[in-house]
Protein backbone atom coordinates (compact mmCIF):
# COMPACT_ATOMS: atom_id res chain seq x y z
CA MET A 1 -0.20 -0.35 -0.27
CA PRO A 2 2.14 2.91 -1.20
CA ILE A 3 -0.04 5.47 0.24
CA LEU A 4 1.23 4.56 3.77
CA GLN A 5 4.87 3.99 3.00
CA LEU A 6 4.68 7.87 1.94
CA LEU A 7 2.68 8.36 5.46
CA SER A 8 5.23 7.04 7.21
CA LEU A 9 7.88 8.62 5.59
CA LEU A 10 6.35 11.96 6.24
CA LEU A 11 5.96 11.13 9.40
CA ASP A 12 9.22 10.42 10.83
CA TYR A 13 12.07 12.43 11.27
CA PRO A 14 12.52 14.96 7.93
CA LYS A 15 16.16 13.74 6.00
CA GLN A 16 17.34 15.40 2.83
CA PRO A 17 16.48 12.48 1.17
CA LEU A 18 13.11 13.17 1.55
CA LEU A 19 13.76 17.34 -0.21
CA GLU A 20 15.16 15.65 -2.87
CA ALA A 21 12.24 13.18 -3.86
CA LYS A 22 9.38 15.92 -3.72
CA ASP A 23 8.07 14.40 -7.70
CA GLU A 24 8.32 11.13 -6.69
CA LEU A 25 6.75 11.53 -3.30
CA LEU A 26 3.56 13.80 -5.33
CA THR A 27 2.97 10.90 -7.55
CA ILE A 28 2.25 8.44 -4.99
CA VAL A 29 -0.56 10.94 -3.95
CA ALA A 30 -1.83 11.66 -7.01
CA GLN A 31 -2.33 7.59 -7.90
CA ALA A 32 -3.65 6.90 -4.58
CA THR A 33 -7.28 5.99 -3.94
CA ILE A 34 -7.85 8.32 -1.78
CA ASP A 35 -10.56 11.80 -1.83
CA ASP A 36 -9.48 14.44 -3.72
CA SER A 37 -9.10 16.70 -0.55
CA LEU A 38 -6.86 14.45 0.46
CA LYS A 39 -4.93 14.29 -1.52
CA GLN A 40 -4.65 17.84 -2.39
CA ALA A 41 -3.77 18.43 1.24
CA ILE A 42 -1.08 16.09 1.71
CA SER A 43 0.33 17.82 -1.48
CA ALA A 44 0.52 20.81 -0.41
CA PHE A 45 2.26 19.26 2.41
CA ILE A 46 5.15 18.33 0.59
CA THR A 47 5.20 20.96 -1.77
CA GLU A 48 5.52 23.12 1.34
CA ARG A 49 7.33 21.00 3.53
CA THR A 50 9.94 20.39 0.31
CA GLY A 51 9.86 24.07 -0.33
CA GLY A 52 11.72 25.27 2.26
CA GLU A 53 14.73 24.86 4.78
CA LEU A 54 15.61 21.16 5.70
CA MET A 55 16.62 22.82 9.57
CA ASP A 56 13.25 24.64 9.27
CA TRP A 57 11.29 21.17 8.74
CA GLN A 58 13.25 19.72 11.41
CA SER A 59 12.98 22.41 13.72
CA ASP A 60 9.18 22.19 13.68
CA TYR A 61 9.04 18.27 13.99
CA ASP A 62 11.34 18.63 17.02
CA GLY A 63 8.73 20.92 18.50
CA LEU A 64 5.89 19.37 17.88
CA PHE A 65 6.40 15.18 18.14
CA GLU A 66 9.53 15.55 20.72
CA ARG A 67 8.14 18.17 23.26
CA GLY A 68 5.55 16.69 25.39
CA ARG A 69 4.09 13.34 25.43
CA SER A 70 0.59 15.15 23.82
CA LEU A 71 2.06 14.35 20.08
CA SER A 72 3.85 11.41 20.70
CA LEU A 73 4.48 9.16 17.64
CA LEU A 74 4.39 6.65 19.83
CA ILE A 75 1.24 4.72 20.36
CA PHE A 76 1.66 3.29 23.29
CA GLU A 77 2.24 6.27 24.70
CA HIS A 78 -0.98 7.51 24.52
CA ILE A 79 -2.28 4.47 26.15
CA HIS A 80 -0.23 3.06 28.88
CA GLY A 81 1.84 6.37 29.15
CA GLU A 82 4.90 5.21 31.22
CA SER A 83 3.00 2.21 33.50
CA ARG A 84 4.78 -1.48 33.12
CA ASP A 85 1.46 -1.96 30.68
CA ARG A 86 3.02 0.17 28.32
CA GLY A 87 6.54 -1.97 28.72
CA GLN A 88 4.42 -5.53 28.27
CA ALA A 89 2.35 -4.35 25.15
CA MET A 90 5.50 -3.47 23.27
CA VAL A 91 7.19 -6.82 23.95
CA ASN A 92 3.33 -8.26 22.70
CA LEU A 93 3.60 -6.09 19.34
CA LEU A 94 6.88 -6.76 18.74
CA ALA A 95 6.44 -10.12 19.02
CA GLN A 96 3.26 -9.79 16.61
CA TYR A 97 6.21 -7.98 14.22
CA ARG A 98 8.03 -10.92 13.98
CA GLU A 99 5.41 -13.44 13.60
CA ALA A 100 4.67 -11.64 10.22
CA GLY A 101 8.32 -11.59 9.44
CA LEU A 102 9.57 -8.86 10.20
CA ASP A 103 12.53 -8.25 12.67
CA ILE A 104 13.34 -4.94 13.60
CA GLY A 105 16.33 -3.24 15.04
CA VAL A 106 16.89 -3.50 18.15
CA LYS A 107 17.30 0.69 18.57
CA GLU A 108 13.75 0.69 17.47
CA LEU A 109 10.47 1.18 19.38
CA PRO A 110 8.36 -1.31 18.10
CA ASP A 111 5.01 1.01 18.90
CA TYR A 112 6.65 4.01 17.00
CA LEU A 113 3.82 5.15 14.23
CA PRO A 114 6.34 5.66 11.20
CA LEU A 115 7.43 1.96 11.70
CA TYR A 116 3.51 0.65 12.43
CA LEU A 117 2.74 2.39 9.45
CA GLU A 118 5.82 1.05 7.07
CA PHE A 119 4.84 -2.62 8.66
CA LEU A 120 0.99 -2.03 7.46
CA SER A 121 2.21 -0.86 4.40
CA THR A 122 3.63 -4.64 3.50
CA GLN A 123 0.43 -6.28 4.62
CA GLY A 124 -2.67 -5.95 1.87
CA GLU A 125 -5.01 -3.18 1.93
CA HIS A 126 -7.83 -5.44 3.82
CA ASN A 127 -4.78 -5.92 6.96
CA ALA A 128 -3.86 -2.58 6.62
CA LYS A 129 -7.92 -0.68 6.93
CA LEU A 130 -7.90 -3.02 10.26
CA GLY A 131 -4.22 -2.41 11.62
CA LEU A 132 -5.14 1.36 11.39
CA GLU A 133 -8.60 1.16 12.58
CA GLU A 134 -7.26 -0.29 15.88
CA ILE A 135 -5.19 2.52 16.78
CA ALA A 136 -7.91 5.29 15.15
CA PRO A 137 -8.59 6.44 18.34
CA VAL A 138 -4.91 7.61 18.57
CA LEU A 139 -5.28 8.90 15.45
CA ALA A 140 -8.34 11.24 16.48
CA VAL A 141 -6.87 12.47 18.94
CA LEU A 142 -3.66 13.48 17.45
CA GLN A 143 -5.08 14.94 14.45
CA CYS A 144 -7.64 17.42 16.28
CA ARG A 145 -4.32 18.38 18.09
CA LEU A 146 -2.64 18.93 15.82
CA GLU A 147 -5.46 21.16 14.15
CA GLN A 148 -5.50 22.70 17.33
CA ARG A 149 -1.37 24.05 16.88
CA SER A 150 -2.67 25.05 13.33
CA SER A 151 0.28 22.78 11.57
CA ASN A 152 -0.07 21.11 8.54
CA TYR A 153 0.80 17.72 9.93
CA ALA A 154 -3.07 17.47 10.78
CA GLY A 155 -3.88 16.38 7.43
CA LEU A 156 -1.77 13.42 7.41
CA PHE A 157 -3.63 12.26 10.17
CA SER A 158 -6.47 12.86 8.68
CA THR A 159 -5.71 10.57 5.34
CA LEU A 160 -4.38 7.18 7.99
CA LEU A 161 -8.32 8.02 9.70
CA ALA A 162 -10.53 8.35 6.32
CA LEU A 163 -7.75 5.22 5.74
CA SER A 164 -9.28 3.01 8.93
CA GLU A 165 -12.84 3.63 8.01
CA ALA A 166 -13.50 3.88 11.57
CA ASN A 167 -16.14 6.09 12.73
CA ILE A 168 -14.73 8.42 14.75
CA ASP A 169 -16.40 12.02 16.51
CA LEU A 170 -13.60 14.21 16.15
CA SER A 171 -16.24 17.17 17.37
CA ASP A 172 -16.45 15.33 20.78
CA ILE A 173 -12.45 15.15 20.65
CA LYS A 174 -12.34 18.78 20.03
CA GLN A 175 -14.32 19.53 22.90
CA GLN A 176 -13.17 17.14 25.35
CA ILE A 177 -9.25 18.94 24.03
CA LYS A 178 -10.14 22.40 24.09
CA SER A 179 -9.01 23.14 27.48
CA GLU A 180 -5.88 20.88 28.37
CA LYS A 181 -3.01 22.01 28.94
CA ARG A 182 0.28 22.23 26.67
CA ASP A 183 3.06 19.75 27.93
CA ASP A 184 5.60 20.94 25.74
CA THR A 185 6.15 24.70 27.24
CA PRO A 186 9.21 25.31 29.85
CA LYS A 187 6.98 24.34 33.05
CA ALA A 188 5.34 21.39 32.02
CA LEU A 189 8.58 19.98 30.18
CA ASP A 190 10.94 20.51 33.72
CA LYS A 191 7.79 18.85 35.82
CA VAL A 192 8.21 15.62 33.41
CA TRP A 193 12.47 16.35 34.03
CA GLU A 194 11.27 15.72 37.75
CA GLU A 195 9.50 12.53 37.60
CA GLU A 196 10.98 9.34 38.02
CA MET A 197 11.70 8.10 34.57
CA VAL A 198 11.10 4.28 34.17
CA SER A 199 13.02 2.03 31.58
CA PHE A 200 10.65 -1.00 29.80
CA ILE A 201 12.62 -1.31 27.03
CA GLY A 202 16.71 -1.11 27.67
CA ASN A 203 18.97 2.08 28.10
CA GLU A 204 20.58 1.07 24.92
CA GLN A 205 16.90 1.44 23.49
CA THR A 206 16.37 4.90 23.34
CA ASN A 207 15.97 5.64 19.50
CA PRO A 208 12.76 6.25 18.44
CA ALA A 209 13.48 6.62 14.60
CA CYS A 210 12.38 3.99 12.50
CA GLY A 211 15.34 4.40 9.52
CA THR A 212 15.39 2.77 6.04
CA GLY A 213 17.23 -0.05 6.58
CA ASN A 214 14.92 -2.28 7.76
CA LYS A 215 12.10 -2.50 5.53
CA PRO A 216 10.41 -5.80 5.06
CA SER A 217 11.70 -7.66 2.42
CA GLU A 218 10.02 -9.56 -0.26
CA GLY A 219 10.28 -12.67 1.37
CA GLN A 220 8.52 -11.45 4.95
CA ARG A 221 5.29 -9.57 2.93
CA ARG A 222 2.55 -11.87 4.18
CA ASP A 223 -1.23 -11.50 3.76
CA GLN A 224 -1.96 -11.81 7.03
CA TYR A 225 -3.40 -9.97 9.56
CA ILE A 226 -1.39 -9.39 13.10
CA PRO A 227 -3.75 -7.71 15.87
CA LEU A 228 -2.66 -5.31 17.94
CA SER A 229 -2.72 -6.99 21.57
CA THR A 230 -5.01 -4.22 23.77
CA GLU A 231 -8.24 -4.40 24.69
CA LEU A 232 -8.19 -0.53 25.19
CA LEU A 233 -7.88 0.20 21.40
CA SER A 234 -11.07 -1.97 20.56
CA SER A 235 -13.05 -0.44 23.18
CA SER A 236 -16.00 1.68 22.73
CA ALA A 237 -14.26 4.07 26.40
CA ALA A 238 -10.71 4.05 23.86
CA GLU A 239 -11.26 7.58 23.15
CA SER A 240 -12.54 8.63 26.33
CA THR A 241 -9.58 7.36 28.21
CA LEU A 242 -7.01 8.97 25.99
CA TYR A 243 -8.10 12.13 27.19
CA GLN A 244 -8.44 11.21 31.00
CA ALA A 245 -4.22 9.52 30.56
CA ALA A 246 -3.37 13.03 29.33
CA GLU A 247 -4.95 15.11 31.78
CA THR A 248 -3.57 12.89 34.01
CA ARG A 249 -0.07 13.64 32.50
CA ALA A 250 -0.24 16.96 32.25
């Protein structure tokens, strides 16, 4: 599913090769089977981001996704926070990757969204849809928070939600996050540093970047669906739990 691989690249940390691949990226968007409005949003994103300075893009990326937890691209951060449940959930997800024939690097966190999308892009259209549907509550919250910050990254998440075909009430989410406190301010970040941090994956596994050297080979591609092992993502109370978790950690 080329559009998922493209979105995986766009949501990863921006690097020079991405700027140089502008034409190829726009071609993939033009050929994607998504609504024209989504195509326009993604094309505008690519054109704007690749037309500027790489350092500016990287700085904006860091400000959005690397400061605070509310826009973290680690899926289970929004479900489990720093609890021990998150560690077990990542172990389970890693096992599911391997069951599907994919081994990731030792420094990669299995719940890193670009990596998860890259994995889904190899699993067939139907299976990719199911995988996106499972994390739809997380995608929806991230989209609304990005819209709240007037970031064009919101269009990427809007596309992921559309591909999931999940029935998510975005107006309800926007209402619930309306009074959320920003967690990327200096005061909020200082508070985080003061908290005791618990490591679940090991000190050597601190780099969340998915890179480009660990894509599944053709022999690893399987037309089988390996679901996430978490009841929360498929429960009717998923969205409310996400909001409560965010407010607790703010």
